[in-house]
Amino acid sequence: MIRRMTLALAALAATTAPAFAHLNPEEHGSFMAGFSHPLFGLDHILVMLAVGLWAAQIGGRALWAVPAAFVTTMAIGFSLAVSGIALPFVEPAILASVVALGLLVAMAVKLDTVMSAAIVAVFALFHGHAHGGELGAAGAWQFGIGFVVATALLHGAGIGLGLGIARLSGGALAARIIGGLTALTGLVLAFG
């Protein structure tokens, strides 16, 4: 049964077309296009949930500071792209963020809040730049507000997941497994 499910999921993943995952921002530079963008890209969802989950693992001030650093720096990266300022290695950095943040959760790494925020901020710059780079000039600010709101909601979901898992018996292990699966998925996305 598990083997069949794995084969079915692999076949589904192999036949998906990532280019159709989002509304075309060139044609739909709207709030809803921006809001839907992170919700339909596996790399985006995994990173945003991992940021929230990692913040929940760290606890304390990191619970709000780490996601806030991501959202703020992502908006800066978006502004850079909209302004025509290029960044190198945007797509590889995004894929690296899936793997790295998954590993941080899997290993339950607890750094101080400033260092944790700095790590997610580096990745967020590239995520924001990718959003802005895909957009062109069509409705930049409406699109930007949409993806910032969606990103914040995904971080909140990750925090909720992390806090919920922490209350379960064996929750720490479950969070680490989710992190490991996130990192593994990042490797598949990068090299698959």
N, C-alpha and C. Protein backbone atom coordinates (compact mmCIF):
# COMPACT_ATOMS: atom_id res chain seq x y z
N MET A 1 0.82 -1.19 0.00
CA MET A 1 0.00 0.00 0.00
C MET A 1 0.87 1.26 0.00
N ILE A 2 1.87 1.29 0.88
CA ILE A 2 2.75 2.46 0.96
C ILE A 2 3.54 2.60 -0.34
N ARG A 3 3.96 1.48 -0.90
CA ARG A 3 4.71 1.53 -2.15
C ARG A 3 3.85 2.11 -3.27
N ARG A 4 2.57 1.72 -3.33
CA ARG A 4 1.67 2.26 -4.35
C ARG A 4 1.46 3.75 -4.18
N MET A 5 1.29 4.18 -2.95
CA MET A 5 1.11 5.61 -2.68
C MET A 5 2.35 6.39 -3.08
N THR A 6 3.52 5.85 -2.76
CA THR A 6 4.77 6.51 -3.12
C THR A 6 4.91 6.62 -4.64
N LEU A 7 4.59 5.54 -5.33
CA LEU A 7 4.66 5.56 -6.80
C LEU A 7 3.64 6.54 -7.39
N ALA A 8 2.45 6.58 -6.82
CA ALA A 8 1.43 7.51 -7.31
C ALA A 8 1.86 8.95 -7.09
N LEU A 9 2.41 9.24 -5.92
CA LEU A 9 2.89 10.60 -5.65
C LEU A 9 4.06 10.96 -6.55
N ALA A 10 4.95 10.02 -6.78
CA ALA A 10 6.09 10.29 -7.67
C ALA A 10 5.61 10.55 -9.10
N ALA A 11 4.63 9.78 -9.56
CA ALA A 11 4.09 10.00 -10.90
C ALA A 11 3.41 11.35 -10.99
N LEU A 12 2.67 11.71 -9.96
CA LEU A 12 2.02 13.01 -9.94
C LEU A 12 3.05 14.14 -9.98
N ALA A 13 4.08 14.02 -9.16
CA ALA A 13 5.12 15.05 -9.12
C ALA A 13 5.85 15.16 -10.46
N ALA A 14 6.06 14.03 -11.11
CA ALA A 14 6.77 14.04 -12.39
C ALA A 14 5.96 14.67 -13.51
N THR A 15 4.64 14.69 -13.37
CA THR A 15 3.80 15.22 -14.44
C THR A 15 3.30 16.62 -14.19
N THR A 16 3.66 17.21 -13.06
CA THR A 16 3.20 18.57 -12.79
C THR A 16 4.00 19.56 -13.61
N ALA A 17 3.39 20.69 -13.88
CA ALA A 17 4.04 21.74 -14.65
C ALA A 17 4.18 22.98 -13.77
N PRO A 18 5.37 23.23 -13.21
CA PRO A 18 5.54 24.35 -12.31
C PRO A 18 5.18 25.69 -12.92
N ALA A 19 5.29 25.82 -14.23
CA ALA A 19 4.99 27.10 -14.86
C ALA A 19 3.53 27.49 -14.70
N PHE A 20 2.67 26.53 -14.41
CA PHE A 20 1.25 26.82 -14.26
C PHE A 20 0.84 26.93 -12.80
N ALA A 21 1.80 27.02 -11.90
CA ALA A 21 1.49 27.03 -10.48
C ALA A 21 0.96 28.37 -10.00
N HIS A 22 1.19 29.43 -10.72
CA HIS A 22 0.80 30.77 -10.27
C HIS A 22 0.04 31.50 -11.37
N LEU A 23 -0.71 32.50 -10.93
CA LEU A 23 -1.28 33.41 -11.91
C LEU A 23 -0.12 34.12 -12.59
N ASN A 24 -0.23 34.39 -13.86
CA ASN A 24 0.84 35.07 -14.57
C ASN A 24 0.93 36.51 -14.07
N PRO A 25 2.02 36.86 -13.34
CA PRO A 25 2.10 38.21 -12.79
C PRO A 25 2.16 39.30 -13.85
N GLU A 26 2.66 38.97 -15.06
CA GLU A 26 2.68 39.96 -16.14
C GLU A 26 1.26 40.38 -16.50
N GLU A 27 0.34 39.43 -16.42
CA GLU A 27 -1.05 39.71 -16.77
C GLU A 27 -1.89 40.04 -15.55
N HIS A 28 -1.50 39.57 -14.39
CA HIS A 28 -2.32 39.70 -13.19
C HIS A 28 -1.50 40.27 -12.04
N GLY A 29 -0.94 41.44 -12.17
CA GLY A 29 -0.15 42.05 -11.11
C GLY A 29 -1.07 42.61 -10.04
N SER A 30 -1.84 41.74 -9.42
CA SER A 30 -2.84 42.16 -8.45
C SER A 30 -2.51 41.61 -7.07
N PHE A 31 -3.26 42.04 -6.10
CA PHE A 31 -3.13 41.52 -4.74
C PHE A 31 -3.33 40.00 -4.75
N MET A 32 -4.36 39.52 -5.44
CA MET A 32 -4.64 38.08 -5.44
C MET A 32 -3.55 37.28 -6.14
N ALA A 33 -2.96 37.82 -7.19
CA ALA A 33 -1.84 37.13 -7.84
C ALA A 33 -0.68 37.03 -6.87
N GLY A 34 -0.40 38.11 -6.15
CA GLY A 34 0.67 38.08 -5.16
C GLY A 34 0.36 37.16 -4.00
N PHE A 35 -0.89 37.19 -3.54
CA PHE A 35 -1.30 36.34 -2.42
C PHE A 35 -1.22 34.87 -2.80
N SER A 36 -1.63 34.54 -4.02
CA SER A 36 -1.66 33.13 -4.42
C SER A 36 -0.26 32.60 -4.74
N HIS A 37 0.65 33.48 -5.10
CA HIS A 37 1.98 33.04 -5.55
C HIS A 37 2.68 32.11 -4.54
N PRO A 38 2.84 32.51 -3.29
CA PRO A 38 3.52 31.60 -2.35
C PRO A 38 2.71 30.36 -2.00
N LEU A 39 1.41 30.41 -2.21
CA LEU A 39 0.56 29.28 -1.82
C LEU A 39 0.57 28.14 -2.83
N PHE A 40 1.09 28.39 -4.03
CA PHE A 40 1.07 27.35 -5.05
C PHE A 40 2.46 26.92 -5.51
N GLY A 41 3.49 27.37 -4.82
CA GLY A 41 4.84 26.94 -5.12
C GLY A 41 5.37 26.12 -3.96
N LEU A 42 5.70 24.87 -4.20
CA LEU A 42 6.14 23.97 -3.14
C LEU A 42 7.35 24.53 -2.39
N ASP A 43 8.30 25.11 -3.13
CA ASP A 43 9.48 25.67 -2.47
C ASP A 43 9.09 26.79 -1.51
N HIS A 44 8.15 27.63 -1.93
CA HIS A 44 7.71 28.73 -1.06
C HIS A 44 7.03 28.20 0.20
N ILE A 45 6.11 27.28 0.01
CA ILE A 45 5.37 26.74 1.16
C ILE A 45 6.32 26.09 2.15
N LEU A 46 7.23 25.27 1.66
CA LEU A 46 8.15 24.57 2.55
C LEU A 46 9.02 25.53 3.34
N VAL A 47 9.54 26.56 2.69
CA VAL A 47 10.40 27.51 3.39
C VAL A 47 9.61 28.31 4.42
N MET A 48 8.44 28.79 4.03
CA MET A 48 7.66 29.62 4.96
C MET A 48 7.24 28.82 6.18
N LEU A 49 6.81 27.58 5.97
CA LEU A 49 6.44 26.73 7.11
C LEU A 49 7.67 26.40 7.95
N ALA A 50 8.81 26.15 7.30
CA ALA A 50 10.03 25.83 8.04
C ALA A 50 10.49 27.01 8.89
N VAL A 51 10.35 28.22 8.38
CA VAL A 51 10.72 29.40 9.18
C VAL A 51 9.86 29.45 10.44
N GLY A 52 8.56 29.27 10.28
CA GLY A 52 7.67 29.29 11.45
C GLY A 52 7.95 28.14 12.40
N LEU A 53 8.18 26.96 11.85
CA LEU A 53 8.47 25.79 12.69
C LEU A 53 9.78 25.97 13.44
N TRP A 54 10.79 26.50 12.77
CA TRP A 54 12.08 26.73 13.43
C TRP A 54 11.93 27.79 14.52
N ALA A 55 11.19 28.85 14.25
CA ALA A 55 10.95 29.88 15.25
C ALA A 55 10.27 29.29 16.48
N ALA A 56 9.32 28.38 16.26
CA ALA A 56 8.64 27.73 17.38
C ALA A 56 9.60 26.84 18.17
N GLN A 57 10.52 26.18 17.46
CA GLN A 57 11.51 25.34 18.15
C GLN A 57 12.42 26.19 19.03
N ILE A 58 12.82 27.35 18.52
CA ILE A 58 13.73 28.22 19.27
C ILE A 58 13.00 28.84 20.44
N GLY A 59 11.78 29.33 20.18
CA GLY A 59 10.95 29.91 21.24
C GLY A 59 11.37 31.32 21.62
N GLY A 60 10.74 31.83 22.64
CA GLY A 60 11.05 33.18 23.14
C GLY A 60 10.82 34.25 22.08
N ARG A 61 11.72 35.21 22.05
CA ARG A 61 11.61 36.32 21.08
C ARG A 61 11.68 35.85 19.64
N ALA A 62 12.33 34.72 19.40
CA ALA A 62 12.47 34.20 18.04
C ALA A 62 11.11 33.89 17.42
N LEU A 63 10.13 33.62 18.27
CA LEU A 63 8.80 33.27 17.78
C LEU A 63 8.22 34.34 16.87
N TRP A 64 8.49 35.58 17.13
CA TRP A 64 8.01 36.66 16.25
C TRP A 64 9.16 37.29 15.46
N ALA A 65 10.37 37.33 16.03
CA ALA A 65 11.48 38.04 15.38
C ALA A 65 11.97 37.34 14.12
N VAL A 66 12.03 36.02 14.14
CA VAL A 66 12.54 35.28 12.98
C VAL A 66 11.60 35.43 11.78
N PRO A 67 10.29 35.17 11.94
CA PRO A 67 9.39 35.40 10.79
C PRO A 67 9.35 36.87 10.36
N ALA A 68 9.41 37.79 11.31
CA ALA A 68 9.40 39.22 10.96
C ALA A 68 10.63 39.59 10.14
N ALA A 69 11.78 39.02 10.49
CA ALA A 69 13.00 39.29 9.72
C ALA A 69 12.85 38.76 8.30
N PHE A 70 12.23 37.60 8.16
CA PHE A 70 12.03 37.04 6.82
C PHE A 70 11.13 37.95 6.00
N VAL A 71 9.98 38.31 6.54
CA VAL A 71 9.02 39.12 5.79
C VAL A 71 9.62 40.47 5.42
N THR A 72 10.28 41.11 6.36
CA THR A 72 10.87 42.43 6.11
C THR A 72 11.94 42.37 5.03
N THR A 73 12.84 41.41 5.14
CA THR A 73 13.92 41.31 4.16
C THR A 73 13.41 40.84 2.81
N MET A 74 12.36 40.02 2.81
CA MET A 74 11.75 39.61 1.55
C MET A 74 11.19 40.83 0.83
N ALA A 75 10.58 41.74 1.56
CA ALA A 75 10.05 42.98 0.95
C ALA A 75 11.19 43.82 0.38
N ILE A 76 12.33 43.83 1.05
CA ILE A 76 13.49 44.56 0.53
C ILE A 76 13.98 43.93 -0.77
N GLY A 77 14.06 42.59 -0.80
CA GLY A 77 14.47 41.90 -2.02
C GLY A 77 13.51 42.17 -3.17
N PHE A 78 12.23 42.20 -2.87
CA PHE A 78 11.21 42.52 -3.88
C PHE A 78 11.45 43.92 -4.43
N SER A 79 11.69 44.87 -3.54
CA SER A 79 11.93 46.26 -3.96
C SER A 79 13.17 46.38 -4.84
N LEU A 80 14.22 45.62 -4.50
CA LEU A 80 15.43 45.63 -5.31
C LEU A 80 15.13 45.15 -6.74
N ALA A 81 14.38 44.06 -6.84
CA ALA A 81 14.07 43.51 -8.17
C ALA A 81 13.20 44.47 -8.97
N VAL A 82 12.19 45.04 -8.33
CA VAL A 82 11.30 45.98 -9.02
C VAL A 82 12.08 47.21 -9.48
N SER A 83 13.11 47.57 -8.71
CA SER A 83 13.95 48.72 -9.06
C SER A 83 15.00 48.39 -10.12
N GLY A 84 15.07 47.13 -10.52
CA GLY A 84 16.01 46.73 -11.56
C GLY A 84 17.39 46.35 -11.05
N ILE A 85 17.54 46.18 -9.75
CA ILE A 85 18.84 45.80 -9.17
C ILE A 85 18.91 44.27 -9.12
N ALA A 86 19.88 43.72 -9.82
CA ALA A 86 20.00 42.27 -9.95
C ALA A 86 20.74 41.66 -8.76
N LEU A 87 20.40 40.44 -8.45
CA LEU A 87 21.12 39.63 -7.48
C LEU A 87 21.58 38.36 -8.19
N PRO A 88 22.77 37.89 -7.89
CA PRO A 88 23.21 36.63 -8.50
C PRO A 88 22.62 35.43 -7.78
N PHE A 89 22.52 34.33 -8.48
CA PHE A 89 22.17 33.03 -7.90
C PHE A 89 20.83 33.00 -7.17
N VAL A 90 19.83 33.69 -7.69
CA VAL A 90 18.54 33.77 -7.00
C VAL A 90 17.90 32.39 -6.87
N GLU A 91 17.74 31.68 -7.96
CA GLU A 91 17.08 30.36 -7.90
C GLU A 91 17.88 29.34 -7.08
N PRO A 92 19.21 29.25 -7.25
CA PRO A 92 19.95 28.32 -6.38
C PRO A 92 19.83 28.68 -4.90
N ALA A 93 19.80 29.97 -4.58
CA ALA A 93 19.67 30.38 -3.17
C ALA A 93 18.30 29.98 -2.62
N ILE A 94 17.27 30.08 -3.45
CA ILE A 94 15.94 29.68 -3.00
C ILE A 94 15.90 28.18 -2.73
N LEU A 95 16.45 27.39 -3.62
CA LEU A 95 16.49 25.94 -3.41
C LEU A 95 17.36 25.59 -2.20
N ALA A 96 18.47 26.31 -2.04
CA ALA A 96 19.32 26.08 -0.86
C ALA A 96 18.57 26.41 0.42
N SER A 97 17.67 27.39 0.37
CA SER A 97 16.92 27.76 1.57
C SER A 97 16.00 26.63 2.01
N VAL A 98 15.43 25.89 1.06
CA VAL A 98 14.57 24.77 1.42
C VAL A 98 15.39 23.72 2.17
N VAL A 99 16.55 23.40 1.63
CA VAL A 99 17.41 22.39 2.24
C VAL A 99 17.93 22.88 3.59
N ALA A 100 18.47 24.10 3.63
CA ALA A 100 19.09 24.61 4.84
C ALA A 100 18.08 24.77 5.98
N LEU A 101 16.94 25.36 5.69
CA LEU A 101 15.95 25.55 6.75
C LEU A 101 15.36 24.22 7.19
N GLY A 102 15.20 23.30 6.25
CA GLY A 102 14.76 21.95 6.64
C GLY A 102 15.76 21.29 7.57
N LEU A 103 17.04 21.44 7.27
CA LEU A 103 18.08 20.86 8.14
C LEU A 103 18.12 21.53 9.51
N LEU A 104 17.94 22.85 9.55
CA LEU A 104 17.92 23.55 10.84
C LEU A 104 16.80 23.03 11.73
N VAL A 105 15.64 22.76 11.11
CA VAL A 105 14.51 22.20 11.87
C VAL A 105 14.81 20.74 12.23
N ALA A 106 15.33 19.98 11.28
CA ALA A 106 15.61 18.56 11.53
C ALA A 106 16.62 18.36 12.65
N MET A 107 17.59 19.25 12.72
CA MET A 107 18.61 19.14 13.76
C MET A 107 18.24 19.93 15.02
N ALA A 108 17.07 20.59 14.98
CA ALA A 108 16.58 21.39 16.11
C ALA A 108 17.66 22.36 16.60
N VAL A 109 18.27 23.05 15.65
CA VAL A 109 19.35 24.00 15.96
C VAL A 109 18.75 25.19 16.69
N LYS A 110 19.32 25.52 17.83
CA LYS A 110 18.84 26.65 18.61
C LYS A 110 19.95 27.69 18.71
N LEU A 111 19.90 28.64 17.80
CA LEU A 111 20.83 29.76 17.83
C LEU A 111 20.15 30.92 18.54
N ASP A 112 20.94 31.96 18.85
CA ASP A 112 20.28 33.12 19.44
C ASP A 112 19.39 33.78 18.40
N THR A 113 18.48 34.59 18.86
CA THR A 113 17.45 35.17 17.99
C THR A 113 18.05 36.00 16.87
N VAL A 114 19.06 36.80 17.16
CA VAL A 114 19.65 37.66 16.14
C VAL A 114 20.29 36.83 15.03
N MET A 115 21.01 35.80 15.38
CA MET A 115 21.65 34.94 14.39
C MET A 115 20.59 34.20 13.57
N SER A 116 19.57 33.70 14.21
CA SER A 116 18.49 33.00 13.51
C SER A 116 17.79 33.93 12.53
N ALA A 117 17.52 35.15 12.98
CA ALA A 117 16.87 36.14 12.11
C ALA A 117 17.77 36.49 10.93
N ALA A 118 19.07 36.59 11.17
CA ALA A 118 20.01 36.90 10.09
C ALA A 118 20.04 35.79 9.05
N ILE A 119 20.00 34.55 9.48
CA ILE A 119 20.02 33.42 8.54
C ILE A 119 18.79 33.45 7.64
N VAL A 120 17.62 33.60 8.25
CA VAL A 120 16.41 33.61 7.41
C VAL A 120 16.36 34.86 6.54
N ALA A 121 16.92 35.96 7.02
CA ALA A 121 16.92 37.20 6.24
C ALA A 121 17.72 37.05 4.95
N VAL A 122 18.84 36.35 5.01
CA VAL A 122 19.64 36.13 3.80
C VAL A 122 18.81 35.40 2.75
N PHE A 123 18.15 34.34 3.16
CA PHE A 123 17.32 33.58 2.22
C PHE A 123 16.12 34.41 1.75
N ALA A 124 15.56 35.19 2.65
CA ALA A 124 14.38 36.00 2.32
C ALA A 124 14.69 37.02 1.23
N LEU A 125 15.89 37.56 1.23
CA LEU A 125 16.28 38.53 0.21
C LEU A 125 16.11 37.92 -1.18
N PHE A 126 16.53 36.68 -1.33
CA PHE A 126 16.43 36.00 -2.62
C PHE A 126 14.97 35.64 -2.96
N HIS A 127 14.22 35.22 -1.96
CA HIS A 127 12.80 34.92 -2.21
C HIS A 127 12.07 36.17 -2.68
N GLY A 128 12.30 37.28 -2.01
CA GLY A 128 11.65 38.53 -2.41
C GLY A 128 12.09 38.99 -3.78
N HIS A 129 13.37 38.83 -4.07
CA HIS A 129 13.89 39.23 -5.37
C HIS A 129 13.25 38.41 -6.48
N ALA A 130 13.08 37.12 -6.24
CA ALA A 130 12.44 36.27 -7.24
C ALA A 130 11.02 36.73 -7.51
N HIS A 131 10.29 37.07 -6.46
CA HIS A 131 8.92 37.56 -6.64
C HIS A 131 8.91 38.83 -7.48
N GLY A 132 9.77 39.76 -7.15
CA GLY A 132 9.82 41.02 -7.89
C GLY A 132 10.33 40.85 -9.30
N GLY A 133 11.27 39.94 -9.50
CA GLY A 133 11.83 39.70 -10.82
C GLY A 133 10.84 39.07 -11.78
N GLU A 134 9.91 38.29 -11.25
CA GLU A 134 8.90 37.64 -12.08
C GLU A 134 7.81 38.61 -12.50
N LEU A 135 7.69 39.69 -11.78
CA LEU A 135 6.54 40.56 -11.94
C LEU A 135 6.62 41.51 -13.10
N GLY A 136 7.79 42.08 -13.33
CA GLY A 136 7.85 43.17 -14.29
C GLY A 136 7.27 44.41 -13.62
N ALA A 137 6.53 45.23 -14.35
CA ALA A 137 6.02 46.47 -13.79
C ALA A 137 4.52 46.42 -13.51
N ALA A 138 3.86 45.32 -13.79
CA ALA A 138 2.41 45.25 -13.66
C ALA A 138 1.99 45.17 -12.20
N GLY A 139 1.37 46.20 -11.68
CA GLY A 139 0.79 46.19 -10.34
C GLY A 139 1.75 45.77 -9.25
N ALA A 140 2.97 46.27 -9.27
CA ALA A 140 4.01 45.80 -8.37
C ALA A 140 3.61 45.87 -6.90
N TRP A 141 3.05 46.96 -6.48
CA TRP A 141 2.81 47.11 -5.04
C TRP A 141 1.63 46.27 -4.57
N GLN A 142 0.59 46.15 -5.40
CA GLN A 142 -0.52 45.29 -5.01
C GLN A 142 -0.06 43.83 -4.92
N PHE A 143 0.73 43.41 -5.91
CA PHE A 143 1.28 42.06 -5.92
C PHE A 143 2.16 41.85 -4.68
N GLY A 144 3.03 42.84 -4.40
CA GLY A 144 3.94 42.73 -3.25
C GLY A 144 3.20 42.61 -1.94
N ILE A 145 2.17 43.41 -1.75
CA ILE A 145 1.39 43.32 -0.52
C ILE A 145 0.73 41.95 -0.41
N GLY A 146 0.25 41.43 -1.53
CA GLY A 146 -0.38 40.11 -1.52
C GLY A 146 0.57 39.01 -1.09
N PHE A 147 1.80 39.00 -1.63
CA PHE A 147 2.69 37.91 -1.26
C PHE A 147 3.26 38.10 0.13
N VAL A 148 3.36 39.33 0.62
CA VAL A 148 3.80 39.56 2.00
C VAL A 148 2.75 39.02 2.97
N VAL A 149 1.48 39.29 2.71
CA VAL A 149 0.41 38.79 3.57
C VAL A 149 0.38 37.26 3.57
N ALA A 150 0.46 36.64 2.38
CA ALA A 150 0.45 35.18 2.30
C ALA A 150 1.65 34.58 3.02
N THR A 151 2.81 35.21 2.87
CA THR A 151 4.01 34.72 3.53
C THR A 151 3.85 34.77 5.05
N ALA A 152 3.35 35.88 5.55
CA ALA A 152 3.13 36.02 7.00
C ALA A 152 2.15 34.96 7.50
N LEU A 153 1.11 34.69 6.73
CA LEU A 153 0.14 33.65 7.12
C LEU A 153 0.79 32.26 7.12
N LEU A 154 1.65 31.98 6.14
CA LEU A 154 2.35 30.70 6.12
C LEU A 154 3.31 30.58 7.30
N HIS A 155 3.98 31.67 7.65
CA HIS A 155 4.83 31.65 8.85
C HIS A 155 3.98 31.34 10.08
N GLY A 156 2.83 32.00 10.16
CA GLY A 156 1.93 31.74 11.29
C GLY A 156 1.50 30.28 11.35
N ALA A 157 1.22 29.70 10.19
CA ALA A 157 0.86 28.28 10.14
C ALA A 157 2.02 27.41 10.63
N GLY A 158 3.24 27.78 10.23
CA GLY A 158 4.41 27.03 10.69
C GLY A 158 4.60 27.15 12.19
N ILE A 159 4.39 28.34 12.73
CA ILE A 159 4.49 28.54 14.18
C ILE A 159 3.41 27.70 14.88
N GLY A 160 2.18 27.78 14.36
CA GLY A 160 1.09 26.98 14.94
C GLY A 160 1.40 25.50 14.90
N LEU A 161 1.93 25.04 13.77
CA LEU A 161 2.31 23.64 13.64
C LEU A 161 3.38 23.29 14.67
N GLY A 162 4.38 24.15 14.78
CA GLY A 162 5.46 23.89 15.72
C GLY A 162 5.00 23.86 17.16
N LEU A 163 4.15 24.82 17.53
CA LEU A 163 3.63 24.86 18.90
C LEU A 163 2.70 23.68 19.17
N GLY A 164 1.90 23.32 18.15
CA GLY A 164 1.00 22.17 18.31
C GLY A 164 1.78 20.87 18.45
N ILE A 165 2.79 20.71 17.63
CA ILE A 165 3.61 19.51 17.69
C ILE A 165 4.33 19.42 19.04
N ALA A 166 4.78 20.56 19.56
CA ALA A 166 5.50 20.57 20.83
C ALA A 166 4.64 20.04 21.98
N ARG A 167 3.33 20.18 21.86
CA ARG A 167 2.43 19.71 22.92
C ARG A 167 2.17 18.21 22.85
N LEU A 168 2.48 17.60 21.73
CA LEU A 168 2.24 16.18 21.56
C LEU A 168 3.37 15.37 22.18
N SER A 169 3.04 14.19 22.58
CA SER A 169 4.06 13.26 23.03
C SER A 169 4.92 12.91 21.83
N GLY A 170 6.20 13.05 21.94
CA GLY A 170 7.10 12.79 20.82
C GLY A 170 7.09 13.90 19.79
N GLY A 171 6.59 15.07 20.17
CA GLY A 171 6.48 16.19 19.25
C GLY A 171 7.81 16.67 18.72
N ALA A 172 8.83 16.67 19.56
CA ALA A 172 10.14 17.13 19.11
C ALA A 172 10.64 16.26 17.96
N LEU A 173 10.41 14.98 18.05
CA LEU A 173 10.81 14.06 16.98
C LEU A 173 9.99 14.33 15.72
N ALA A 174 8.70 14.57 15.88
CA ALA A 174 7.85 14.84 14.71
C ALA A 174 8.32 16.10 13.98
N ALA A 175 8.65 17.14 14.72
CA ALA A 175 9.15 18.37 14.10
C ALA A 175 10.45 18.11 13.35
N ARG A 176 11.31 17.31 13.94
CA ARG A 176 12.58 17.00 13.28
C ARG A 176 12.36 16.18 12.01
N ILE A 177 11.39 15.29 12.04
CA ILE A 177 11.08 14.50 10.84
C ILE A 177 10.55 15.42 9.74
N ILE A 178 9.68 16.35 10.10
CA ILE A 178 9.17 17.31 9.12
C ILE A 178 10.32 18.12 8.52
N GLY A 179 11.25 18.54 9.36
CA GLY A 179 12.42 19.26 8.86
C GLY A 179 13.24 18.42 7.91
N GLY A 180 13.45 17.16 8.26
CA GLY A 180 14.21 16.26 7.39
C GLY A 180 13.52 16.05 6.05
N LEU A 181 12.21 15.88 6.09
CA LEU A 181 11.45 15.72 4.84
C LEU A 181 11.50 16.99 4.00
N THR A 182 11.50 18.14 4.66
CA THR A 182 11.63 19.42 3.94
C THR A 182 12.97 19.50 3.24
N ALA A 183 14.04 19.18 3.96
CA ALA A 183 15.38 19.21 3.36
C ALA A 183 15.49 18.22 2.20
N LEU A 184 14.93 17.02 2.38
CA LEU A 184 14.96 16.02 1.32
C LEU A 184 14.20 16.50 0.09
N THR A 185 13.05 17.11 0.32
CA THR A 185 12.27 17.66 -0.80
C THR A 185 13.05 18.76 -1.51
N GLY A 186 13.76 19.58 -0.75
CA GLY A 186 14.60 20.61 -1.36
C GLY A 186 15.65 20.02 -2.26
N LEU A 187 16.25 18.92 -1.83
CA LEU A 187 17.26 18.25 -2.68
C LEU A 187 16.62 17.69 -3.94
N VAL A 188 15.43 17.15 -3.81
CA VAL A 188 14.73 16.64 -5.00
C VAL A 188 14.42 17.78 -5.95
N LEU A 189 13.95 18.91 -5.42
CA LEU A 189 13.66 20.06 -6.26
C LEU A 189 14.91 20.59 -6.95
N ALA A 190 16.03 20.55 -6.23
CA ALA A 190 17.27 21.08 -6.78
C ALA A 190 17.89 20.16 -7.83
N PHE A 191 17.83 18.87 -7.58
CA PHE A 191 18.55 17.94 -8.44
C PHE A 191 17.65 16.95 -9.19
N GLY A 192 16.35 17.08 -8.96
CA GLY A 192 15.41 16.13 -9.57
C GLY A 192 14.96 16.52 -10.94
